[in-house]
Amino acid sequence: MRRFLALLFGLCTTAPAAASDPVTVFESWARDGGAGETAISVLLDGTETHAVNATRPVDLASNSKVITALCVLSLVDGGALRWDTPLTTPLGPDAPPGTVAELITHSAGIGRDSTQLRMGFWLNEETPRHAHVTDIVLKRDSQRGTRGQFAYTNENYALLGRIIEVTTGESYEQACRARVLDPAGVEGALSPRFAAFAAWGGWRMAMAEHAALLWHWFGPQGRVGRDLLALPHIARGDGMYYGLGMNYTAEARGFRISHAGAISIPFGPKTGAYAVVYPFGAVAATGYDAAVADPARFRDLSNGLENLLSPR
């Protein structure tokens, strides 16, 4: 399936070669991964300190999932949904067992991921494929996943995209812009290339905007960041969790919060993004025109940036 497309998620933890500034660390890392174009924005306590091409829109790939999760959080906070809302309530009686929270944490038992074989055929479409993927899931005789176990799949977030549309009566993009981007004071839009993947991989945003978005929601005073584990999450062992579209890694100073995405279409576009929120008040949002897939490389980048950004 990966020869069609991979949307991957970031892990965190071991350090690259020494360098004098975060931009150099990142650009060296990106070039080693085959990137020709790069963008980065680094914030310390909410203020940008380092940037290259930070105002140029970049496809977020799977880093779009956090926008979907935050949109659902807003609907829960507003009383339109509950975390324990059964999927049958918004999606009808044919929906599989599971709850909204279990979709958020990839633990609803949904699968196998039908998007991986289809995404290459959905390029340059203007309309999200949430309803289409939901129809595929609802027509299955059985799901291949195990409810309660973590299994990362785009279908979970496609269903969340459809739930957002059904619950709000708005387009997915309008609903999430009003509830997630506008409160953070940032701009973004669905990608002209990947809008069909909207809820699971279709957003496009400048890295300065993406970093600000993450600081607003996941910073120490943010709605999510001030008490990560009070919101839906699933333990993955060794102090690691998956929560609202992001990975959480427990450290002595708090949680390192990260996610990565990659899109690789055979004979077509390749793009990637990686973002990390550190427990000492730093955020780094990066984008590049390569599909980096090795979790160890993200650990190296995260630790290399930390070495330069962390207070001594």
C-alpha atoms as a PDB file:
ATOM      1  CA  MET A   1       0.000   0.000   0.000  1.00  0.00           C
ATOM      2  CA  ARG A   2       2.828   2.384   0.678  1.00  0.00           C
ATOM      3  CA  ARG A   3       3.741   2.452  -2.995  1.00  0.00           C
ATOM      4  CA  PHE A   4       0.492   4.342  -3.541  1.00  0.00           C
ATOM      5  CA  LEU A   5       0.659   6.728  -0.623  1.00  0.00           C
ATOM      6  CA  ALA A   6       1.888   6.985   2.946  1.00  0.00           C
ATOM      7  CA  LEU A   7       0.513   9.332   5.610  1.00  0.00           C
ATOM      8  CA  LEU A   8       2.708   8.800   8.622  1.00  0.00           C
ATOM      9  CA  PHE A   9       2.696  10.041  12.193  1.00  0.00           C
ATOM     10  CA  GLY A  10       5.604  11.389  14.208  1.00  0.00           C
ATOM     11  CA  LEU A  11       7.319   9.903  17.175  1.00  0.00           C
ATOM     12  CA  CYS A  12       9.882  11.547  19.344  1.00  0.00           C
ATOM     13  CA  THR A  13      13.222  10.720  20.844  1.00  0.00           C
ATOM     14  CA  THR A  14      18.355  10.702  19.634  1.00  0.00           C
ATOM     15  CA  ALA A  15      20.222  13.677  17.989  1.00  0.00           C
ATOM     16  CA  PRO A  16      21.744  14.728  14.657  1.00  0.00           C
ATOM     17  CA  ALA A  17      25.086  16.346  14.041  1.00  0.00           C
ATOM     18  CA  ALA A  18      25.836  19.526  15.938  1.00  0.00           C
ATOM     19  CA  ALA A  19      24.848  22.782  14.249  1.00  0.00           C
ATOM     20  CA  SER A  20      24.664  26.376  15.328  1.00  0.00           C
ATOM     21  CA  ASP A  21      20.965  27.121  14.772  1.00  0.00           C
ATOM     22  CA  PRO A  22      17.617  25.317  14.268  1.00  0.00           C
ATOM     23  CA  VAL A  23      17.305  26.318  10.616  1.00  0.00           C
ATOM     24  CA  THR A  24      20.643  24.678   9.770  1.00  0.00           C
ATOM     25  CA  VAL A  25      19.696  21.507  11.642  1.00  0.00           C
ATOM     26  CA  PHE A  26      16.374  21.280   9.865  1.00  0.00           C
ATOM     27  CA  GLU A  27      17.591  22.116   6.359  1.00  0.00           C
ATOM     28  CA  SER A  28      20.432  19.603   6.608  1.00  0.00           C
ATOM     29  CA  TRP A  29      17.959  16.968   7.798  1.00  0.00           C
ATOM     30  CA  ALA A  30      15.530  17.790   4.971  1.00  0.00           C
ATOM     31  CA  ARG A  31      18.208  17.691   2.273  1.00  0.00           C
ATOM     32  CA  ASP A  32      19.344  14.304   3.536  1.00  0.00           C
ATOM     33  CA  GLY A  33      15.748  13.167   3.011  1.00  0.00           C
ATOM     34  CA  GLY A  34      15.701  14.367  -0.592  1.00  0.00           C
ATOM     35  CA  ALA A  35      13.984  17.726  -0.127  1.00  0.00           C
ATOM     36  CA  GLY A  36      14.697  20.659  -2.421  1.00  0.00           C
ATOM     37  CA  GLU A  37      12.216  23.130  -0.905  1.00  0.00           C
ATOM     38  CA  THR A  38      11.882  23.704   2.825  1.00  0.00           C
ATOM     39  CA  ALA A  39      10.000  25.886   5.266  1.00  0.00           C
ATOM     40  CA  ILE A  40      10.328  26.261   9.036  1.00  0.00           C
ATOM     41  CA  SER A  41       8.984  28.435  11.820  1.00  0.00           C
ATOM     42  CA  VAL A  42      10.265  28.227  15.404  1.00  0.00           C
ATOM     43  CA  LEU A  43       8.491  29.878  18.324  1.00  0.00           C
ATOM     44  CA  LEU A  44       9.717  30.439  21.865  1.00  0.00           C
ATOM     45  CA  ASP A  45       6.921  31.318  24.273  1.00  0.00           C
ATOM     46  CA  GLY A  46       4.738  32.202  21.305  1.00  0.00           C
ATOM     47  CA  THR A  47       7.196  34.520  19.548  1.00  0.00           C
ATOM     48  CA  GLU A  48       8.877  33.535  16.298  1.00  0.00           C
ATOM     49  CA  THR A  49      12.654  33.334  16.700  1.00  0.00           C
ATOM     50  CA  HIS A  50      13.777  31.475  13.586  1.00  0.00           C
ATOM     51  CA  ALA A  51      12.131  31.212  10.175  1.00  0.00           C
ATOM     52  CA  VAL A  52      12.792  30.360   6.542  1.00  0.00           C
ATOM     53  CA  ASN A  53      10.001  30.501   3.948  1.00  0.00           C
ATOM     54  CA  ALA A  54       7.650  30.554   6.910  1.00  0.00           C
ATOM     55  CA  THR A  55       4.901  32.495   5.132  1.00  0.00           C
ATOM     56  CA  ARG A  56       4.721  30.163   2.121  1.00  0.00           C
ATOM     57  CA  PRO A  57       1.771  27.719   2.296  1.00  0.00           C
ATOM     58  CA  VAL A  58       2.780  24.089   2.703  1.00  0.00           C
ATOM     59  CA  ASP A  59       0.665  20.930   2.483  1.00  0.00           C
ATOM     60  CA  LEU A  60       0.301  19.489   5.974  1.00  0.00           C
ATOM     61  CA  ALA A  61      -0.495  15.891   4.936  1.00  0.00           C
ATOM     62  CA  SER A  62      -1.369  13.944   8.116  1.00  0.00           C
ATOM     63  CA  ASN A  63      -0.649  16.992  10.254  1.00  0.00           C
ATOM     64  CA  SER A  64      -4.133  17.967   9.109  1.00  0.00           C
ATOM     65  CA  LYS A  65      -5.555  15.473  11.604  1.00  0.00           C
ATOM     66  CA  VAL A  66      -4.954  17.804  14.524  1.00  0.00           C
ATOM     67  CA  ILE A  67      -7.279  20.391  12.946  1.00  0.00           C
ATOM     68  CA  THR A  68     -10.005  17.765  12.679  1.00  0.00           C
ATOM     69  CA  ALA A  69      -9.509  16.649  16.265  1.00  0.00           C
ATOM     70  CA  LEU A  70      -9.604  20.228  17.557  1.00  0.00           C
ATOM     71  CA  CYS A  71     -12.780  20.881  15.570  1.00  0.00           C
ATOM     72  CA  VAL A  72     -14.423  17.905  17.258  1.00  0.00           C
ATOM     73  CA  LEU A  73     -13.177  19.188  20.631  1.00  0.00           C
ATOM     74  CA  SER A  74     -14.938  22.477  19.930  1.00  0.00           C
ATOM     75  CA  LEU A  75     -18.176  20.646  19.140  1.00  0.00           C
ATOM     76  CA  VAL A  76     -17.888  18.675  22.382  1.00  0.00           C
ATOM     77  CA  ASP A  77     -17.194  21.832  24.370  1.00  0.00           C
ATOM     78  CA  GLY A  78     -20.239  23.427  22.751  1.00  0.00           C
ATOM     79  CA  GLY A  79     -22.514  20.494  23.583  1.00  0.00           C
ATOM     80  CA  ALA A  80     -23.162  19.370  20.000  1.00  0.00           C
ATOM     81  CA  LEU A  81     -21.287  16.095  20.571  1.00  0.00           C
ATOM     82  CA  ARG A  82     -20.004  14.045  23.490  1.00  0.00           C
ATOM     83  CA  TRP A  83     -16.817  12.028  23.553  1.00  0.00           C
ATOM     84  CA  ASP A  84     -18.949   8.966  24.248  1.00  0.00           C
ATOM     85  CA  THR A  85     -21.420   9.692  21.438  1.00  0.00           C
ATOM     86  CA  PRO A  86     -21.960   6.372  19.624  1.00  0.00           C
ATOM     87  CA  LEU A  87     -21.087   6.440  15.933  1.00  0.00           C
ATOM     88  CA  THR A  88     -24.630   5.361  15.145  1.00  0.00           C
ATOM     89  CA  THR A  89     -25.953   8.713  16.373  1.00  0.00           C
ATOM     90  CA  PRO A  90     -24.396  10.910  13.650  1.00  0.00           C
ATOM     91  CA  LEU A  91     -23.774   8.192  11.036  1.00  0.00           C
ATOM     92  CA  GLY A  92     -26.861   5.990  11.273  1.00  0.00           C
ATOM     93  CA  PRO A  93     -27.638   2.419  12.305  1.00  0.00           C
ATOM     94  CA  ASP A  94     -25.127   0.846   9.909  1.00  0.00           C
ATOM     95  CA  ALA A  95     -22.180   2.520  11.643  1.00  0.00           C
ATOM     96  CA  PRO A  96     -19.806   0.147  13.438  1.00  0.00           C
ATOM     97  CA  PRO A  97     -19.608   0.028  17.229  1.00  0.00           C
ATOM     98  CA  GLY A  98     -17.435   2.778  18.610  1.00  0.00           C
ATOM     99  CA  THR A  99     -17.489   6.318  19.900  1.00  0.00           C
ATOM    100  CA  VAL A 100     -16.287   9.717  18.787  1.00  0.00           C
ATOM    101  CA  ALA A 101     -13.398   9.516  21.267  1.00  0.00           C
ATOM    102  CA  GLU A 102     -12.320   6.158  19.846  1.00  0.00           C
ATOM    103  CA  LEU A 103     -12.121   7.631  16.353  1.00  0.00           C
ATOM    104  CA  ILE A 104      -9.960  10.455  17.729  1.00  0.00           C
ATOM    105  CA  THR A 105      -7.539   7.954  19.284  1.00  0.00           C
ATOM    106  CA  HIS A 106      -7.557   5.419  16.417  1.00  0.00           C
ATOM    107  CA  SER A 107      -9.034   2.779  18.705  1.00  0.00           C
ATOM    108  CA  ALA A 108     -12.527   2.221  17.277  1.00  0.00           C
ATOM    109  CA  GLY A 109     -11.560  -1.006  15.523  1.00  0.00           C
ATOM    110  CA  ILE A 110     -12.110   0.516  12.057  1.00  0.00           C
ATOM    111  CA  GLY A 111     -10.250  -1.019   9.135  1.00  0.00           C
ATOM    112  CA  ARG A 112      -8.758  -2.000   6.825  1.00  0.00           C
ATOM    113  CA  ASP A 113      -7.781   1.468   5.537  1.00  0.00           C
ATOM    114  CA  SER A 114      -9.495   1.890   2.178  1.00  0.00           C
ATOM    115  CA  THR A 115      -7.959   5.320   1.541  1.00  0.00           C
ATOM    116  CA  GLN A 116      -4.461   4.040   0.860  1.00  0.00           C
ATOM    117  CA  LEU A 117      -5.380   2.406  -2.439  1.00  0.00           C
ATOM    118  CA  ARG A 118      -7.546   5.301  -3.621  1.00  0.00           C
ATOM    119  CA  MET A 119      -5.834   8.560  -2.788  1.00  0.00           C
ATOM    120  CA  GLY A 120      -3.717   8.614  -5.912  1.00  0.00           C
ATOM    121  CA  PHE A 121      -6.945   8.744  -7.910  1.00  0.00           C
ATOM    122  CA  TRP A 122      -8.394  11.619  -5.872  1.00  0.00           C
ATOM    123  CA  LEU A 123      -5.798  14.287  -6.613  1.00  0.00           C
ATOM    124  CA  ASN A 124      -6.931  17.816  -7.523  1.00  0.00           C
ATOM    125  CA  GLU A 125     -10.532  17.244  -6.451  1.00  0.00           C
ATOM    126  CA  GLU A 126     -12.287  20.141  -4.728  1.00  0.00           C
ATOM    127  CA  THR A 127     -14.702  18.168  -2.539  1.00  0.00           C
ATOM    128  CA  PRO A 128     -13.627  16.109   0.504  1.00  0.00           C
ATOM    129  CA  ARG A 129     -14.181  12.366   0.236  1.00  0.00           C
ATOM    130  CA  HIS A 130     -15.510  12.014   3.786  1.00  0.00           C
ATOM    131  CA  ALA A 131     -18.958  10.803   2.700  1.00  0.00           C
ATOM    132  CA  HIS A 132     -17.432   8.369   0.203  1.00  0.00           C
ATOM    133  CA  VAL A 133     -15.076   6.803   2.748  1.00  0.00           C
ATOM    134  CA  THR A 134     -17.848   6.681   5.350  1.00  0.00           C
ATOM    135  CA  ASP A 135     -20.031   4.794   2.871  1.00  0.00           C
ATOM    136  CA  ILE A 136     -17.221   2.274   2.322  1.00  0.00           C
ATOM    137  CA  VAL A 137     -16.840   1.720   6.071  1.00  0.00           C
ATOM    138  CA  LEU A 138     -20.574   1.406   6.728  1.00  0.00           C
ATOM    139  CA  LYS A 139     -21.041  -1.151   3.931  1.00  0.00           C
ATOM    140  CA  ARG A 140     -18.379  -3.535   5.263  1.00  0.00           C
ATOM    141  CA  ASP A 141     -19.621  -6.835   6.611  1.00  0.00           C
ATOM    142  CA  SER A 142     -17.068  -6.557   9.405  1.00  0.00           C
ATOM    143  CA  GLN A 143     -14.135  -4.411  10.480  1.00  0.00           C
ATOM    144  CA  ARG A 144     -10.631  -5.850  10.633  1.00  0.00           C
ATOM    145  CA  GLY A 145      -9.468  -3.777  13.571  1.00  0.00           C
ATOM    146  CA  THR A 146      -9.892  -4.548  17.271  1.00  0.00           C
ATOM    147  CA  ARG A 147     -11.875  -2.047  19.285  1.00  0.00           C
ATOM    148  CA  GLY A 148      -9.821  -0.612  22.137  1.00  0.00           C
ATOM    149  CA  GLN A 149      -6.470  -1.176  20.418  1.00  0.00           C
ATOM    150  CA  PHE A 150      -4.508   1.598  18.709  1.00  0.00           C
ATOM    151  CA  ALA A 151      -4.419   1.187  14.928  1.00  0.00           C
ATOM    152  CA  TYR A 152      -3.570   4.323  12.943  1.00  0.00           C
ATOM    153  CA  THR A 153      -5.836   4.637   9.900  1.00  0.00           C
ATOM    154  CA  ASN A 154      -7.073   7.526   7.795  1.00  0.00           C
ATOM    155  CA  GLU A 155     -10.594   6.118   7.890  1.00  0.00           C
ATOM    156  CA  ASN A 156     -10.997   7.168  11.534  1.00  0.00           C
ATOM    157  CA  TYR A 157     -10.488  10.793  10.606  1.00  0.00           C
ATOM    158  CA  ALA A 158     -12.540  10.522   7.407  1.00  0.00           C
ATOM    159  CA  LEU A 159     -15.450   9.470   9.623  1.00  0.00           C
ATOM    160  CA  LEU A 160     -14.745  12.395  11.954  1.00  0.00           C
ATOM    161  CA  GLY A 161     -14.827  14.707   8.936  1.00  0.00           C
ATOM    162  CA  ARG A 162     -18.246  13.347   8.015  1.00  0.00           C
ATOM    163  CA  ILE A 163     -19.441  13.697  11.618  1.00  0.00           C
ATOM    164  CA  ILE A 164     -18.365  17.359  11.588  1.00  0.00           C
ATOM    165  CA  GLU A 165     -20.333  17.945   8.366  1.00  0.00           C
ATOM    166  CA  VAL A 166     -23.453  16.192   9.649  1.00  0.00           C
ATOM    167  CA  THR A 167     -23.352  17.787  13.104  1.00  0.00           C
ATOM    168  CA  THR A 168     -22.751  21.371  11.995  1.00  0.00           C
ATOM    169  CA  GLY A 169     -24.625  21.417   8.680  1.00  0.00           C
ATOM    170  CA  GLU A 170     -21.610  23.272   7.298  1.00  0.00           C
ATOM    171  CA  SER A 171     -18.813  22.274   4.990  1.00  0.00           C
ATOM    172  CA  TYR A 172     -15.914  20.650   6.787  1.00  0.00           C
ATOM    173  CA  GLU A 173     -13.581  23.506   5.870  1.00  0.00           C
ATOM    174  CA  GLN A 174     -15.975  26.214   7.058  1.00  0.00           C
ATOM    175  CA  ALA A 175     -16.698  24.396  10.312  1.00  0.00           C
ATOM    176  CA  CYS A 176     -13.046  23.835  11.182  1.00  0.00           C
ATOM    177  CA  ARG A 177     -11.880  27.279  10.142  1.00  0.00           C
ATOM    178  CA  ALA A 178     -14.446  28.918  12.421  1.00  0.00           C
ATOM    179  CA  ARG A 179     -13.785  26.633  15.387  1.00  0.00           C
ATOM    180  CA  VAL A 180     -10.038  25.979  15.167  1.00  0.00           C
ATOM    181  CA  LEU A 181      -8.185  28.465  12.960  1.00  0.00           C
ATOM    182  CA  ASP A 182     -10.112  31.647  13.766  1.00  0.00           C
ATOM    183  CA  PRO A 183      -9.767  31.319  17.569  1.00  0.00           C
ATOM    184  CA  ALA A 184      -5.993  30.927  17.073  1.00  0.00           C
ATOM    185  CA  GLY A 185      -5.854  33.936  14.741  1.00  0.00           C
ATOM    186  CA  VAL A 186      -4.348  31.951  11.864  1.00  0.00           C
ATOM    187  CA  GLU A 187      -5.156  31.314   8.228  1.00  0.00           C
ATOM    188  CA  GLY A 188      -5.220  28.133   6.183  1.00  0.00           C
ATOM    189  CA  ALA A 189      -7.256  26.345   3.546  1.00  0.00           C
ATOM    190  CA  LEU A 190      -7.742  22.966   1.951  1.00  0.00           C
ATOM    191  CA  SER A 191      -4.996  22.143  -0.511  1.00  0.00           C
ATOM    192  CA  PRO A 192      -5.748  22.452  -4.232  1.00  0.00           C
ATOM    193  CA  ARG A 193      -4.004  19.106  -4.677  1.00  0.00           C
ATOM    194  CA  PHE A 194      -5.239  17.193  -1.649  1.00  0.00           C
ATOM    195  CA  ALA A 195      -8.647  18.666  -0.692  1.00  0.00           C
ATOM    196  CA  ALA A 196     -10.253  15.238  -1.136  1.00  0.00           C
ATOM    197  CA  PHE A 197      -8.215  14.044   1.866  1.00  0.00           C
ATOM    198  CA  ALA A 198      -9.417  16.999   3.973  1.00  0.00           C
ATOM    199  CA  ALA A 199      -9.980  15.636   7.481  1.00  0.00           C
ATOM    200  CA  TRP A 200      -7.088  13.178   7.353  1.00  0.00           C
ATOM    201  CA  GLY A 201      -4.567  14.924   5.115  1.00  0.00           C
ATOM    202  CA  GLY A 202      -5.888  17.872   3.122  1.00  0.00           C
ATOM    203  CA  TRP A 203      -4.963  21.139   4.854  1.00  0.00           C
ATOM    204  CA  ARG A 204      -2.430  23.657   3.512  1.00  0.00           C
ATOM    205  CA  MET A 205      -0.917  26.337   5.722  1.00  0.00           C
ATOM    206  CA  ALA A 206       2.188  28.488   6.134  1.00  0.00           C
ATOM    207  CA  MET A 207       4.545  27.174   8.796  1.00  0.00           C
ATOM    208  CA  ALA A 208       4.293  30.437  10.740  1.00  0.00           C
ATOM    209  CA  GLU A 209       0.537  29.876  10.913  1.00  0.00           C
ATOM    210  CA  HIS A 210       0.896  26.211  11.802  1.00  0.00           C
ATOM    211  CA  ALA A 211       3.314  26.936  14.639  1.00  0.00           C
ATOM    212  CA  ALA A 212       0.971  29.629  15.983  1.00  0.00           C
ATOM    213  CA  LEU A 213      -1.977  27.237  15.769  1.00  0.00           C
ATOM    214  CA  LEU A 214      -0.158  24.609  17.802  1.00  0.00           C
ATOM    215  CA  TRP A 215       1.004  27.144  20.379  1.00  0.00           C
ATOM    216  CA  HIS A 216      -2.548  28.448  20.812  1.00  0.00           C
ATOM    217  CA  TRP A 217      -4.064  25.021  21.410  1.00  0.00           C
ATOM    218  CA  PHE A 218      -1.181  22.951  22.823  1.00  0.00           C
ATOM    219  CA  GLY A 219       0.892  25.593  24.610  1.00  0.00           C
ATOM    220  CA  PRO A 220       0.846  25.579  28.429  1.00  0.00           C
ATOM    221  CA  GLN A 221      -2.203  27.867  28.554  1.00  0.00           C
ATOM    222  CA  GLY A 222      -3.955  26.265  25.584  1.00  0.00           C
ATOM    223  CA  ARG A 223      -7.256  24.412  25.795  1.00  0.00           C
ATOM    224  CA  VAL A 224      -5.454  21.112  25.185  1.00  0.00           C
ATOM    225  CA  GLY A 225      -1.963  21.818  26.458  1.00  0.00           C
ATOM    226  CA  ARG A 226      -2.915  22.779  29.978  1.00  0.00           C
ATOM    227  CA  ASP A 227      -4.156  19.236  30.730  1.00  0.00           C
ATOM    228  CA  LEU A 228      -3.428  16.844  27.858  1.00  0.00           C
ATOM    229  CA  LEU A 229      -4.542  13.674  29.564  1.00  0.00           C
ATOM    230  CA  ALA A 230      -7.913  15.105  30.611  1.00  0.00           C
ATOM    231  CA  LEU A 231      -8.960  14.711  26.962  1.00  0.00           C
ATOM    232  CA  PRO A 232      -9.211  11.503  24.891  1.00  0.00           C
ATOM    233  CA  HIS A 233      -5.929   9.640  24.561  1.00  0.00           C
ATOM    234  CA  ILE A 234      -4.689   6.087  24.327  1.00  0.00           C
ATOM    235  CA  ALA A 235      -1.563   4.691  25.943  1.00  0.00           C
ATOM    236  CA  ARG A 236       0.970   3.164  23.568  1.00  0.00           C
ATOM    237  CA  GLY A 237       3.625   2.072  26.048  1.00  0.00           C
ATOM    238  CA  ASP A 238       6.880   3.592  27.299  1.00  0.00           C
ATOM    239  CA  GLY A 239       5.209   6.865  28.299  1.00  0.00           C
ATOM    240  CA  MET A 240       3.755   7.446  24.850  1.00  0.00           C
ATOM    241  CA  TYR A 241       0.159   8.313  24.000  1.00  0.00           C
ATOM    242  CA  TYR A 242      -1.917   9.290  20.981  1.00  0.00           C
ATOM    243  CA  GLY A 243      -4.381  12.073  21.661  1.00  0.00           C
ATOM    244  CA  LEU A 244      -6.026  14.814  19.642  1.00  0.00           C
ATOM    245  CA  GLY A 245      -4.321  14.229  16.306  1.00  0.00           C
ATOM    246  CA  MET A 246      -0.897  14.299  17.972  1.00  0.00           C
ATOM    247  CA  ASN A 247       1.561  11.967  19.691  1.00  0.00           C
ATOM    248  CA  TYR A 248       2.414  12.705  23.328  1.00  0.00           C
ATOM    249  CA  THR A 249       5.676  11.543  24.907  1.00  0.00           C
ATOM    250  CA  ALA A 250       6.097  11.911  28.683  1.00  0.00           C
ATOM    251  CA  GLU A 251       9.361  13.519  29.777  1.00  0.00           C
ATOM    252  CA  ALA A 252      10.725  14.887  33.031  1.00  0.00           C
ATOM    253  CA  ARG A 253       9.566  18.429  32.204  1.00  0.00           C
ATOM    254  CA  GLY A 254       6.192  17.460  30.785  1.00  0.00           C
ATOM    255  CA  PHE A 255       5.042  16.176  27.402  1.00  0.00           C
ATOM    256  CA  ARG A 256       6.698  16.456  24.029  1.00  0.00           C
ATOM    257  CA  ILE A 257       3.864  16.680  21.500  1.00  0.00           C
ATOM    258  CA  SER A 258       4.568  15.815  17.858  1.00  0.00           C
ATOM    259  CA  HIS A 259       3.191  14.597  14.574  1.00  0.00           C
ATOM    260  CA  ALA A 260       4.469  14.031  11.047  1.00  0.00           C
ATOM    261  CA  GLY A 261       2.873  13.426   7.708  1.00  0.00           C
ATOM    262  CA  ALA A 262       3.990  12.332   4.272  1.00  0.00           C
ATOM    263  CA  ILE A 263       2.271  12.012   0.933  1.00  0.00           C
ATOM    264  CA  SER A 264       3.958  10.113  -1.870  1.00  0.00           C
ATOM    265  CA  ILE A 265       2.045   9.527  -5.096  1.00  0.00           C
ATOM    266  CA  PRO A 266       3.827   7.382  -7.709  1.00  0.00           C
ATOM    267  CA  PHE A 267       4.861   9.657 -10.579  1.00  0.00           C
ATOM    268  CA  GLY A 268       3.062  12.429  -8.686  1.00  0.00           C
ATOM    269  CA  PRO A 269       3.497  14.838  -5.779  1.00  0.00           C
ATOM    270  CA  LYS A 270       5.618  14.136  -2.741  1.00  0.00           C
ATOM    271  CA  THR A 271       5.387  16.284   0.344  1.00  0.00           C
ATOM    272  CA  GLY A 272       5.931  16.118   4.083  1.00  0.00           C
ATOM    273  CA  ALA A 273       5.516  18.044   7.314  1.00  0.00           C
ATOM    274  CA  TYR A 274       6.702  17.640  10.882  1.00  0.00           C
ATOM    275  CA  ALA A 275       5.783  19.639  13.965  1.00  0.00           C
ATOM    276  CA  VAL A 276       6.745  19.424  17.615  1.00  0.00           C
ATOM    277  CA  VAL A 277       5.692  21.266  20.768  1.00  0.00           C
ATOM    278  CA  TYR A 278       8.285  21.006  23.544  1.00  0.00           C
ATOM    279  CA  PRO A 279       7.473  21.135  27.267  1.00  0.00           C
ATOM    280  CA  PHE A 280       9.787  24.136  27.744  1.00  0.00           C
ATOM    281  CA  GLY A 281       7.749  26.537  25.586  1.00  0.00           C
ATOM    282  CA  ALA A 282       9.160  25.975  22.089  1.00  0.00           C
ATOM    283  CA  VAL A 283       7.315  25.010  18.915  1.00  0.00           C
ATOM    284  CA  ALA A 284       8.844  23.994  15.580  1.00  0.00           C
ATOM    285  CA  ALA A 285       6.711  23.565  12.449  1.00  0.00           C
ATOM    286  CA  THR A 286       8.407  22.321   9.298  1.00  0.00           C
ATOM    287  CA  GLY A 287       7.472  21.460   5.720  1.00  0.00           C
ATOM    288  CA  TYR A 288       9.416  20.013   2.787  1.00  0.00           C
ATOM    289  CA  ASP A 289       8.899  18.536  -0.676  1.00  0.00           C
ATOM    290  CA  ALA A 290       9.878  14.979   0.235  1.00  0.00           C
ATOM    291  CA  ALA A 291       8.048  12.043   1.780  1.00  0.00           C
ATOM    292  CA  VAL A 292      10.162  11.161   4.825  1.00  0.00           C
ATOM    293  CA  ALA A 293       8.907   7.923   6.332  1.00  0.00           C
ATOM    294  CA  ASP A 294      11.425   6.734   8.934  1.00  0.00           C
ATOM    295  CA  PRO A 295      10.315   7.437  12.542  1.00  0.00           C
ATOM    296  CA  ALA A 296      13.965   7.396  13.648  1.00  0.00           C
ATOM    297  CA  ARG A 297      14.650  10.388  11.406  1.00  0.00           C
ATOM    298  CA  PHE A 298      11.913  12.369  13.131  1.00  0.00           C
ATOM    299  CA  ARG A 299      13.382  11.470  16.503  1.00  0.00           C
ATOM    300  CA  ASP A 300      16.740  12.748  15.315  1.00  0.00           C
ATOM    301  CA  LEU A 301      15.277  16.025  14.084  1.00  0.00           C
ATOM    302  CA  SER A 302      13.250  16.553  17.241  1.00  0.00           C
ATOM    303  CA  ASN A 303      16.236  15.979  19.508  1.00  0.00           C
ATOM    304  CA  GLY A 304      18.561  18.046  17.341  1.00  0.00           C
ATOM    305  CA  LEU A 305      16.200  21.009  17.552  1.00  0.00           C
ATOM    306  CA  GLU A 306      15.749  20.477  21.282  1.00  0.00           C
ATOM    307  CA  ASN A 307      19.514  20.643  21.840  1.00  0.00           C
ATOM    308  CA  LEU A 308      19.523  24.186  20.446  1.00  0.00           C
ATOM    309  CA  LEU A 309      16.211  25.462  21.797  1.00  0.00           C
ATOM    310  CA  SER A 310      16.102  24.086  25.328  1.00  0.00           C
ATOM    311  CA  PRO A 311      17.119  26.496  28.132  1.00  0.00           C
ATOM    312  CA  ARG A 312      20.506  25.629  29.594  1.00  0.00           C
END
